[in-house]
C-alpha atoms as a PDB file:
ATOM      1  CA  UNK A   1     -49.164  24.666  35.638  1.00  0.00           C
ATOM      2  CA  UNK A   2     -47.000  24.183  38.729  1.00  0.00           C
ATOM      3  CA  UNK A   3     -43.509  22.791  38.604  1.00  0.00           C
ATOM      4  CA  UNK A   4     -42.512  20.220  41.142  1.00  0.00           C
ATOM      5  CA  UNK A   5     -39.115  19.762  42.699  1.00  0.00           C
ATOM      6  CA  UNK A   6     -38.746  16.303  41.172  1.00  0.00           C
ATOM      7  CA  UNK A   7     -38.565  17.660  37.624  1.00  0.00           C
ATOM      8  CA  UNK A   8     -35.223  18.943  36.469  1.00  0.00           C
ATOM      9  CA  UNK A   9     -34.819  21.821  34.083  1.00  0.00           C
ATOM     10  CA  UNK A  10     -32.686  21.784  30.954  1.00  0.00           C
ATOM     11  CA  UNK A  11     -30.390  24.334  32.560  1.00  0.00           C
ATOM     12  CA  UNK A  12     -29.313  22.118  35.440  1.00  0.00           C
ATOM     13  CA  UNK A  13     -25.620  21.315  35.728  1.00  0.00           C
ATOM     14  CA  UNK A  14     -26.213  17.580  36.094  1.00  0.00           C
ATOM     15  CA  UNK A  15     -25.469  15.403  33.100  1.00  0.00           C
ATOM     16  CA  UNK A  16     -28.618  13.897  31.680  1.00  0.00           C
ATOM     17  CA  UNK A  17     -28.206  10.154  31.157  1.00  0.00           C
ATOM     18  CA  UNK A  18     -30.501  10.328  28.132  1.00  0.00           C
ATOM     19  CA  UNK A  19     -28.187  12.753  26.323  1.00  0.00           C
ATOM     20  CA  UNK A  20     -24.991  11.059  25.092  1.00  0.00           C
ATOM     21  CA  UNK A  21     -23.648  14.361  23.726  1.00  0.00           C
ATOM     22  CA  UNK A  22     -23.545  15.814  27.225  1.00  0.00           C
ATOM     23  CA  UNK A  23     -21.470  12.901  28.504  1.00  0.00           C
ATOM     24  CA  UNK A  24     -19.147  13.181  25.519  1.00  0.00           C
ATOM     25  CA  UNK A  25     -18.667  16.916  26.108  1.00  0.00           C
ATOM     26  CA  UNK A  26     -18.044  16.328  29.804  1.00  0.00           C
ATOM     27  CA  UNK A  27     -15.417  13.695  29.027  1.00  0.00           C
ATOM     28  CA  UNK A  28     -13.781  15.982  26.467  1.00  0.00           C
ATOM     29  CA  UNK A  29     -13.702  18.854  28.951  1.00  0.00           C
ATOM     30  CA  UNK A  30     -12.229  16.618  31.651  1.00  0.00           C
ATOM     31  CA  UNK A  31      -9.511  15.337  29.326  1.00  0.00           C
ATOM     32  CA  UNK A  32      -8.702  18.874  28.157  1.00  0.00           C
ATOM     33  CA  UNK A  33      -8.379  20.050  31.746  1.00  0.00           C
ATOM     34  CA  UNK A  34      -6.261  17.131  32.940  1.00  0.00           C
ATOM     35  CA  UNK A  35      -4.030  16.728  29.876  1.00  0.00           C
ATOM     36  CA  UNK A  36      -3.496  20.307  28.711  1.00  0.00           C
ATOM     37  CA  UNK A  37      -4.742  23.073  30.979  1.00  0.00           C
ATOM     38  CA  UNK A  38      -3.535  21.974  34.435  1.00  0.00           C
ATOM     39  CA  UNK A  39      -0.012  21.004  33.274  1.00  0.00           C
ATOM     40  CA  UNK A  40       0.299  24.234  31.267  1.00  0.00           C
ATOM     41  CA  UNK A  41      -0.798  26.328  34.245  1.00  0.00           C
ATOM     42  CA  UNK A  42       1.592  24.433  36.534  1.00  0.00           C
ATOM     43  CA  UNK A  43       4.542  25.069  34.221  1.00  0.00           C
ATOM     44  CA  UNK A  44       3.563  28.716  33.867  1.00  0.00           C
ATOM     45  CA  UNK A  45       3.270  29.156  37.635  1.00  0.00           C
ATOM     46  CA  UNK A  46       6.627  27.533  38.423  1.00  0.00           C
ATOM     47  CA  UNK A  47       8.330  29.404  35.579  1.00  0.00           C
ATOM     48  CA  UNK A  48       6.968  32.771  36.677  1.00  0.00           C
ATOM     49  CA  UNK A  49       8.065  32.104  40.260  1.00  0.00           C
ATOM     50  CA  UNK A  50      11.576  31.216  39.079  1.00  0.00           C
ATOM     51  CA  UNK A  51      11.667  34.312  36.886  1.00  0.00           C
ATOM     52  CA  UNK A  52      10.618  36.498  39.822  1.00  0.00           C
ATOM     53  CA  UNK A  53      13.397  35.043  41.988  1.00  0.00           C
ATOM     54  CA  UNK A  54      15.936  35.540  39.184  1.00  0.00           C
ATOM     55  CA  UNK A  55      14.945  39.211  38.769  1.00  0.00           C
ATOM     56  CA  UNK A  56      15.066  39.711  42.538  1.00  0.00           C
ATOM     57  CA  UNK A  57      18.591  38.276  42.672  1.00  0.00           C
ATOM     58  CA  UNK A  58      19.700  40.559  39.836  1.00  0.00           C
ATOM     59  CA  UNK A  59      18.523  43.554  41.889  1.00  0.00           C
ATOM     60  CA  UNK A  60      19.442  42.426  45.428  1.00  0.00           C
ATOM     61  CA  UNK A  61      22.439  40.201  44.668  1.00  0.00           C
ATOM     62  CA  UNK A  62      22.902  36.503  45.276  1.00  0.00           C
ATOM     63  CA  UNK A  63      21.913  34.960  48.616  1.00  0.00           C
ATOM     64  CA  UNK A  64      24.567  35.413  51.299  1.00  0.00           C
ATOM     65  CA  UNK A  65      26.299  38.264  49.506  1.00  0.00           C
ATOM     66  CA  UNK A  66      27.373  41.118  51.772  1.00  0.00           C
END
């Protein structure tokens, strides 16, 4: 039996409109990413950058110091 290009497999990344669980999981994943993960990563990135500058200034001295 030959498969045609018009048939989609169960492994495809597209959300199947006949499967409400897939849409629910996609919505849950989107909300998790936008509400928790991205803000947490943003805070972590800015905090680590500030910490790196603070450590650098402890070693090298404040800006403009002779």
